[in-house]
Amino acid sequence: MEDWRSASRAQDRRLWQTLWCVGAALTLTLASSILVAVGDPGAEVLGRFHVQQAVLLALSAAGTIVALRRWRALRE
């Protein structure tokens, strides 16, 4: 019975670690996208682009934090 639990726990750790890595990559990509759009004065960017990217960034960062916390909790 313990083997099943430890296998399940290892899978859970792997899942949350993967989600954390994907979330971190997505968060960095969105942040750099916003910085590039803001830093290029010649680019015509609609206001809703910034709102859309900011919302996606907030959701991505929140999901990444949750995944990191779950991964750390399962490591202990």
Protein backbone atom coordinates (compact mmCIF):
# COMPACT_ATOMS: atom_id res chain seq x y z
CA MET A 1 0.00 0.00 0.00
CA GLU A 2 2.84 2.41 0.81
CA ASP A 3 4.43 1.80 -2.59
CA TRP A 4 1.26 3.02 -4.27
CA ARG A 5 1.18 6.14 -2.11
CA SER A 6 4.82 6.99 -2.72
CA ALA A 7 4.39 6.43 -6.48
CA SER A 8 1.35 8.68 -6.49
CA ARG A 9 3.24 11.31 -4.50
CA ALA A 10 6.15 11.20 -6.95
CA GLN A 11 3.74 11.69 -9.85
CA ASP A 12 2.10 14.60 -8.05
CA ARG A 13 5.52 16.19 -7.44
CA ARG A 14 6.45 15.77 -11.09
CA LEU A 15 3.13 17.26 -12.21
CA TRP A 16 3.41 20.35 -10.01
CA GLN A 17 7.07 20.82 -10.93
CA THR A 18 6.16 20.71 -14.62
CA LEU A 19 3.29 23.15 -14.12
CA TRP A 20 5.62 25.46 -12.20
CA CYS A 21 8.19 25.40 -15.00
CA VAL A 22 5.59 26.01 -17.71
CA GLY A 23 4.01 28.81 -15.66
CA ALA A 24 7.36 30.47 -15.07
CA ALA A 25 8.17 30.35 -18.79
CA LEU A 26 4.75 31.76 -19.68
CA THR A 27 5.05 34.52 -17.07
CA LEU A 28 8.48 35.55 -18.37
CA THR A 29 7.24 35.51 -21.96
CA LEU A 30 4.24 37.69 -21.15
CA ALA A 31 6.31 40.11 -19.10
CA SER A 32 8.88 40.47 -21.89
CA SER A 33 6.09 40.96 -24.42
CA ILE A 34 4.68 43.83 -22.39
CA LEU A 35 8.13 45.38 -21.90
CA VAL A 36 8.90 45.19 -25.62
CA ALA A 37 5.56 46.80 -26.51
CA VAL A 38 6.06 49.58 -23.98
CA GLY A 39 9.71 50.13 -24.88
CA ASP A 40 9.14 50.51 -28.63
CA PRO A 41 7.67 53.99 -29.18
CA GLY A 42 7.28 53.39 -32.92
CA ALA A 43 4.98 50.42 -32.55
CA GLU A 44 1.26 51.04 -32.76
CA VAL A 45 -0.17 48.97 -29.94
CA LEU A 46 -3.80 49.13 -28.97
CA GLY A 47 -4.68 49.80 -25.35
CA ARG A 48 -6.55 46.55 -25.10
CA PHE A 49 -3.32 44.68 -25.91
CA HIS A 50 -1.84 45.93 -22.65
CA VAL A 51 -4.98 45.03 -20.72
CA GLN A 52 -5.09 41.57 -22.28
CA GLN A 53 -1.42 40.92 -21.60
CA ALA A 54 -1.68 42.25 -18.05
CA VAL A 55 -4.62 39.94 -17.28
CA LEU A 56 -2.79 36.97 -18.78
CA LEU A 57 0.31 37.91 -16.80
CA ALA A 58 -1.64 38.08 -13.54
CA LEU A 59 -3.32 34.72 -14.17
CA SER A 60 -0.05 33.11 -15.17
CA ALA A 61 1.79 34.47 -12.15
CA ALA A 62 -0.99 33.34 -9.79
CA GLY A 63 -1.03 29.85 -11.28
CA THR A 64 2.75 29.66 -11.10
CA ILE A 65 2.74 30.61 -7.41
CA VAL A 66 0.09 27.99 -6.63
CA ALA A 67 2.06 25.33 -8.51
CA LEU A 68 5.28 26.29 -6.73
CA ARG A 69 3.60 26.08 -3.33
CA ARG A 70 2.06 22.69 -4.10
CA TRP A 71 5.37 21.36 -5.42
CA ARG A 72 7.23 22.53 -2.32
CA ALA A 73 4.55 21.07 -0.03
CA LEU A 74 4.85 17.68 -1.74
CA ARG A 75 8.66 17.71 -1.50
CA GLU A 76 8.55 17.73 2.28
